[in-house]
N, C-alpha and C. Protein backbone atom coordinates (compact mmCIF):
# COMPACT_ATOMS: atom_id res chain seq x y z
N UNK A 1 83.59 104.34 85.92
CA UNK A 1 84.32 103.20 86.45
C UNK A 1 84.89 103.59 87.80
N UNK A 2 84.61 102.77 88.79
CA UNK A 2 85.14 102.96 90.13
C UNK A 2 86.21 101.91 90.40
N UNK A 3 87.21 102.26 91.20
CA UNK A 3 88.25 101.33 91.58
C UNK A 3 88.45 101.42 93.09
N UNK A 4 88.52 100.26 93.72
CA UNK A 4 88.79 100.20 95.15
C UNK A 4 89.95 99.22 95.35
N UNK A 5 90.79 99.51 96.31
CA UNK A 5 91.96 98.68 96.57
C UNK A 5 91.89 98.18 98.00
N UNK A 6 92.07 96.89 98.17
CA UNK A 6 91.99 96.27 99.49
C UNK A 6 93.22 95.38 99.69
N UNK A 7 93.90 95.59 100.79
CA UNK A 7 95.03 94.72 101.12
C UNK A 7 94.48 93.53 101.89
N UNK A 8 94.68 92.34 101.36
CA UNK A 8 94.20 91.13 102.00
C UNK A 8 95.37 90.44 102.71
N UNK A 9 95.09 89.42 103.47
CA UNK A 9 96.14 88.66 104.12
C UNK A 9 97.08 88.01 103.13
N UNK A 10 98.28 87.71 103.57
CA UNK A 10 99.25 87.02 102.72
C UNK A 10 99.88 87.87 101.65
N UNK A 11 99.76 89.19 101.77
CA UNK A 11 100.38 90.07 100.79
C UNK A 11 99.59 90.23 99.49
N UNK A 12 98.32 89.80 99.49
CA UNK A 12 97.48 89.90 98.29
C UNK A 12 96.83 91.28 98.22
N UNK A 13 96.98 91.92 97.06
CA UNK A 13 96.29 93.18 96.80
C UNK A 13 95.07 92.87 95.95
N UNK A 14 93.89 93.25 96.44
CA UNK A 14 92.65 93.03 95.70
C UNK A 14 92.20 94.35 95.11
N UNK A 15 92.05 94.37 93.80
CA UNK A 15 91.56 95.55 93.09
C UNK A 15 90.13 95.23 92.65
N UNK A 16 89.19 96.04 93.14
CA UNK A 16 87.78 95.84 92.82
C UNK A 16 87.37 96.90 91.81
N UNK A 17 87.00 96.46 90.62
CA UNK A 17 86.56 97.36 89.57
C UNK A 17 85.04 97.31 89.49
N UNK A 18 84.42 98.45 89.25
CA UNK A 18 82.95 98.54 89.25
C UNK A 18 82.52 99.48 88.13
N UNK A 19 81.80 98.94 87.14
CA UNK A 19 81.29 99.75 86.05
C UNK A 19 81.67 99.19 84.69
N UNK A 20 81.72 100.08 83.72
CA UNK A 20 82.06 99.71 82.34
C UNK A 20 83.55 99.95 82.10
N UNK A 21 84.24 98.90 81.68
CA UNK A 21 85.67 99.02 81.37
C UNK A 21 85.79 99.24 79.86
N UNK A 22 85.31 100.41 79.42
CA UNK A 22 85.39 100.82 78.03
C UNK A 22 86.46 101.90 77.93
N UNK A 23 86.43 102.72 76.90
CA UNK A 23 87.46 103.75 76.74
C UNK A 23 87.48 104.70 77.94
N UNK A 24 86.31 105.18 78.33
CA UNK A 24 86.24 106.12 79.46
C UNK A 24 86.62 105.44 80.77
N UNK A 25 86.13 104.22 80.98
CA UNK A 25 86.46 103.48 82.19
C UNK A 25 87.94 103.18 82.29
N UNK A 26 88.53 102.79 81.17
CA UNK A 26 89.96 102.50 81.15
C UNK A 26 90.76 103.76 81.49
N UNK A 27 90.36 104.89 80.93
CA UNK A 27 91.06 106.15 81.22
C UNK A 27 90.97 106.49 82.70
N UNK A 28 89.87 106.13 83.33
CA UNK A 28 89.67 106.44 84.75
C UNK A 28 90.54 105.58 85.67
N UNK A 29 90.91 104.38 85.24
CA UNK A 29 91.64 103.46 86.13
C UNK A 29 93.07 103.15 85.70
N UNK A 30 93.46 103.52 84.49
CA UNK A 30 94.78 103.14 83.97
C UNK A 30 95.94 103.52 84.89
N UNK A 31 95.98 104.77 85.34
CA UNK A 31 97.10 105.21 86.15
C UNK A 31 97.19 104.39 87.44
N UNK A 32 96.07 104.24 88.14
CA UNK A 32 96.08 103.47 89.39
C UNK A 32 96.45 102.01 89.13
N UNK A 33 95.92 101.44 88.06
CA UNK A 33 96.23 100.04 87.74
C UNK A 33 97.72 99.87 87.44
N UNK A 34 98.32 100.82 86.74
CA UNK A 34 99.74 100.73 86.43
C UNK A 34 100.60 100.87 87.68
N UNK A 35 100.21 101.75 88.59
CA UNK A 35 100.93 101.90 89.86
C UNK A 35 100.83 100.61 90.66
N UNK A 36 99.63 100.04 90.72
CA UNK A 36 99.42 98.78 91.45
C UNK A 36 100.24 97.67 90.81
N UNK A 37 100.24 97.60 89.50
CA UNK A 37 101.02 96.59 88.79
C UNK A 37 102.51 96.70 89.07
N UNK A 38 102.99 97.91 89.24
CA UNK A 38 104.40 98.11 89.50
C UNK A 38 104.81 97.84 90.93
N UNK A 39 103.83 97.81 91.84
CA UNK A 39 104.18 97.66 93.25
C UNK A 39 103.64 96.39 93.91
N UNK A 40 102.78 95.65 93.23
CA UNK A 40 102.17 94.47 93.84
C UNK A 40 102.89 93.20 93.43
N UNK A 41 102.93 92.27 94.33
CA UNK A 41 103.52 90.96 94.07
C UNK A 41 102.43 89.92 93.80
N UNK A 42 101.32 90.03 94.53
CA UNK A 42 100.19 89.12 94.38
C UNK A 42 98.95 89.97 94.15
N UNK A 43 98.38 89.88 92.95
CA UNK A 43 97.29 90.77 92.56
C UNK A 43 96.04 89.98 92.19
N UNK A 44 94.94 90.28 92.86
CA UNK A 44 93.64 89.70 92.55
C UNK A 44 92.78 90.81 91.97
N UNK A 45 92.38 90.68 90.71
CA UNK A 45 91.55 91.69 90.05
C UNK A 45 90.11 91.19 90.08
N UNK A 46 89.29 91.85 90.89
CA UNK A 46 87.89 91.48 91.10
C UNK A 46 87.03 92.16 90.05
N UNK A 47 86.46 91.36 89.15
CA UNK A 47 85.65 91.90 88.05
C UNK A 47 84.16 91.60 88.23
N UNK A 48 83.72 91.24 89.43
CA UNK A 48 82.32 90.87 89.65
C UNK A 48 81.34 91.98 89.27
N UNK A 49 81.76 93.24 89.40
CA UNK A 49 80.87 94.37 89.15
C UNK A 49 81.13 95.05 87.81
N UNK A 50 81.99 94.45 86.98
CA UNK A 50 82.26 95.02 85.66
C UNK A 50 81.19 94.51 84.70
N UNK A 51 80.46 95.45 84.10
CA UNK A 51 79.32 95.10 83.25
C UNK A 51 79.66 95.05 81.77
N UNK A 52 80.81 95.63 81.39
CA UNK A 52 81.22 95.66 79.98
C UNK A 52 82.73 95.72 79.95
N UNK A 53 83.33 95.01 78.99
CA UNK A 53 84.78 95.02 78.81
C UNK A 53 85.09 95.21 77.33
N UNK A 54 85.73 96.34 77.02
CA UNK A 54 86.13 96.62 75.65
C UNK A 54 87.62 96.46 75.47
N UNK A 55 88.11 96.75 74.27
CA UNK A 55 89.53 96.53 73.98
C UNK A 55 90.44 97.41 74.82
N UNK A 56 90.05 98.64 75.09
CA UNK A 56 90.88 99.50 75.94
C UNK A 56 90.87 98.98 77.38
N UNK A 57 89.78 98.38 77.78
CA UNK A 57 89.70 97.78 79.10
C UNK A 57 90.62 96.58 79.22
N UNK A 58 90.75 95.82 78.15
CA UNK A 58 91.69 94.69 78.15
C UNK A 58 93.10 95.18 78.42
N UNK A 59 93.46 96.27 77.79
CA UNK A 59 94.79 96.86 77.99
C UNK A 59 94.98 97.26 79.45
N UNK A 60 93.93 97.76 80.08
CA UNK A 60 94.00 98.16 81.48
C UNK A 60 94.26 96.98 82.41
N UNK A 61 93.96 95.78 81.95
CA UNK A 61 94.23 94.58 82.74
C UNK A 61 95.58 93.96 82.39
N UNK A 62 95.91 93.94 81.10
CA UNK A 62 97.11 93.25 80.64
C UNK A 62 98.40 93.98 81.03
N UNK A 63 98.46 95.29 80.87
CA UNK A 63 99.69 96.03 81.16
C UNK A 63 100.12 95.86 82.62
N UNK A 64 99.21 96.06 83.60
CA UNK A 64 99.65 95.85 84.99
C UNK A 64 99.98 94.38 85.28
N UNK A 65 99.26 93.46 84.66
CA UNK A 65 99.54 92.03 84.86
C UNK A 65 100.94 91.69 84.37
N UNK A 66 101.32 92.25 83.24
CA UNK A 66 102.67 92.01 82.73
C UNK A 66 103.72 92.58 83.67
N UNK A 67 103.44 93.74 84.26
CA UNK A 67 104.38 94.36 85.20
C UNK A 67 104.55 93.47 86.43
N UNK A 68 103.46 92.95 86.96
CA UNK A 68 103.52 92.07 88.13
C UNK A 68 104.33 90.83 87.79
N UNK A 69 104.07 90.24 86.65
CA UNK A 69 104.76 89.01 86.26
C UNK A 69 106.24 89.26 86.01
N UNK A 70 106.60 90.44 85.49
CA UNK A 70 108.01 90.77 85.24
C UNK A 70 108.83 90.75 86.52
N UNK A 71 108.23 91.15 87.63
CA UNK A 71 109.00 91.11 88.87
C UNK A 71 108.62 89.90 89.73
N UNK A 72 108.23 88.80 89.06
CA UNK A 72 108.05 87.52 89.71
C UNK A 72 106.75 87.33 90.47
N UNK A 73 105.79 88.19 90.26
CA UNK A 73 104.52 88.09 90.96
C UNK A 73 103.48 87.27 90.20
N UNK A 74 102.29 87.19 90.79
CA UNK A 74 101.19 86.45 90.19
C UNK A 74 99.94 87.32 90.15
N UNK A 75 99.11 87.08 89.13
CA UNK A 75 97.87 87.83 88.95
C UNK A 75 96.75 86.84 88.62
N UNK A 76 95.56 87.06 89.18
CA UNK A 76 94.38 86.30 88.81
C UNK A 76 93.21 87.27 88.64
N UNK A 77 92.25 86.85 87.83
CA UNK A 77 90.98 87.56 87.68
C UNK A 77 89.94 86.77 88.46
N UNK A 78 89.11 87.50 89.20
CA UNK A 78 88.09 86.86 90.01
C UNK A 78 86.69 87.32 89.61
N UNK A 79 85.81 86.35 89.38
CA UNK A 79 84.39 86.58 89.26
C UNK A 79 83.84 87.37 88.10
N UNK A 80 84.41 87.27 86.90
CA UNK A 80 83.81 88.04 85.80
C UNK A 80 82.42 87.51 85.43
N UNK A 81 81.51 88.42 85.06
CA UNK A 81 80.21 88.00 84.57
C UNK A 81 80.42 87.31 83.22
N UNK A 82 79.45 86.50 82.75
CA UNK A 82 79.67 85.73 81.51
C UNK A 82 80.12 86.54 80.30
N UNK A 83 79.54 87.72 80.07
CA UNK A 83 79.93 88.52 78.90
C UNK A 83 81.39 88.97 79.02
N UNK A 84 81.79 89.38 80.20
CA UNK A 84 83.17 89.83 80.41
C UNK A 84 84.12 88.65 80.26
N UNK A 85 83.74 87.49 80.79
CA UNK A 85 84.59 86.30 80.64
C UNK A 85 84.74 85.90 79.18
N UNK A 86 83.67 86.02 78.40
CA UNK A 86 83.74 85.70 76.97
C UNK A 86 84.78 86.59 76.27
N UNK A 87 84.79 87.87 76.61
CA UNK A 87 85.74 88.80 76.00
C UNK A 87 87.17 88.41 76.41
N UNK A 88 87.38 88.10 77.68
CA UNK A 88 88.71 87.70 78.15
C UNK A 88 89.19 86.46 77.41
N UNK A 89 88.30 85.49 77.23
CA UNK A 89 88.68 84.25 76.56
C UNK A 89 88.87 84.45 75.06
N UNK A 90 88.04 85.27 74.45
CA UNK A 90 88.17 85.52 73.01
C UNK A 90 89.49 86.19 72.69
N UNK A 91 89.98 87.02 73.62
CA UNK A 91 91.26 87.71 73.42
C UNK A 91 92.44 86.90 73.98
N UNK A 92 92.17 85.68 74.45
CA UNK A 92 93.19 84.81 75.04
C UNK A 92 93.86 85.41 76.27
N UNK A 93 93.19 86.33 76.94
CA UNK A 93 93.75 86.93 78.15
C UNK A 93 93.81 85.89 79.26
N UNK A 94 92.91 84.90 79.21
CA UNK A 94 92.89 83.87 80.24
C UNK A 94 94.15 83.01 80.24
N UNK A 95 94.94 83.08 79.16
CA UNK A 95 96.22 82.35 79.15
C UNK A 95 97.30 83.14 79.90
N UNK A 96 97.14 84.44 80.01
CA UNK A 96 98.06 85.30 80.74
C UNK A 96 97.61 85.49 82.19
N UNK A 97 96.30 85.67 82.36
CA UNK A 97 95.71 85.92 83.68
C UNK A 97 94.63 84.87 83.92
N UNK A 98 94.89 83.90 84.79
CA UNK A 98 93.88 82.87 85.05
C UNK A 98 92.59 83.46 85.62
N UNK A 99 91.46 82.85 85.25
CA UNK A 99 90.14 83.29 85.70
C UNK A 99 89.63 82.32 86.76
N UNK A 100 89.13 82.87 87.85
CA UNK A 100 88.57 82.06 88.94
C UNK A 100 87.20 82.60 89.32
N UNK A 101 86.30 81.68 89.68
CA UNK A 101 84.96 82.09 90.11
C UNK A 101 84.73 81.89 91.59
N UNK A 102 85.65 81.26 92.25
CA UNK A 102 85.59 81.06 93.71
C UNK A 102 86.76 81.84 94.32
N UNK A 103 86.47 82.62 95.34
CA UNK A 103 87.52 83.40 95.98
C UNK A 103 88.61 82.50 96.55
N UNK A 104 88.21 81.37 97.11
CA UNK A 104 89.20 80.46 97.70
C UNK A 104 90.17 79.93 96.64
N UNK A 105 89.67 79.60 95.45
CA UNK A 105 90.58 79.09 94.41
C UNK A 105 91.44 80.22 93.84
N UNK A 106 90.90 81.43 93.78
CA UNK A 106 91.69 82.58 93.31
C UNK A 106 92.84 82.84 94.27
N UNK A 107 92.56 82.81 95.57
CA UNK A 107 93.60 83.05 96.55
C UNK A 107 94.63 81.92 96.56
N UNK A 108 94.16 80.68 96.40
CA UNK A 108 95.07 79.54 96.35
C UNK A 108 96.02 79.65 95.15
N UNK A 109 95.52 80.14 94.02
CA UNK A 109 96.34 80.28 92.82
C UNK A 109 97.45 81.31 92.99
N UNK A 110 97.25 82.24 93.91
CA UNK A 110 98.24 83.30 94.15
C UNK A 110 99.36 82.85 95.08
N UNK A 111 99.16 81.75 95.78
CA UNK A 111 100.17 81.30 96.76
C UNK A 111 101.22 80.43 96.12
């Protein structure tokens, strides 16, 4: 699992995840995701390149999202592939973190 961080305009932090968000993938990104969650106000989690999402991977998304929301911020998920989106919806994560397939709508949701 690879993680890249990009600061976008308007104070949006974009986290780009690439690979399998399984036990090993979650272990690889948890620390960075938690740091980002603690310091970001507007967080866009780009899942376009995530090919698998397991239960530990869900935790890697939910914990930082909760941290952002605790300090009044907003979080969105952008571009999950159908299998990853199914997992997010089955776990009701989409009620905590809205899912967007267009970058423009994801950015609009953060404002």
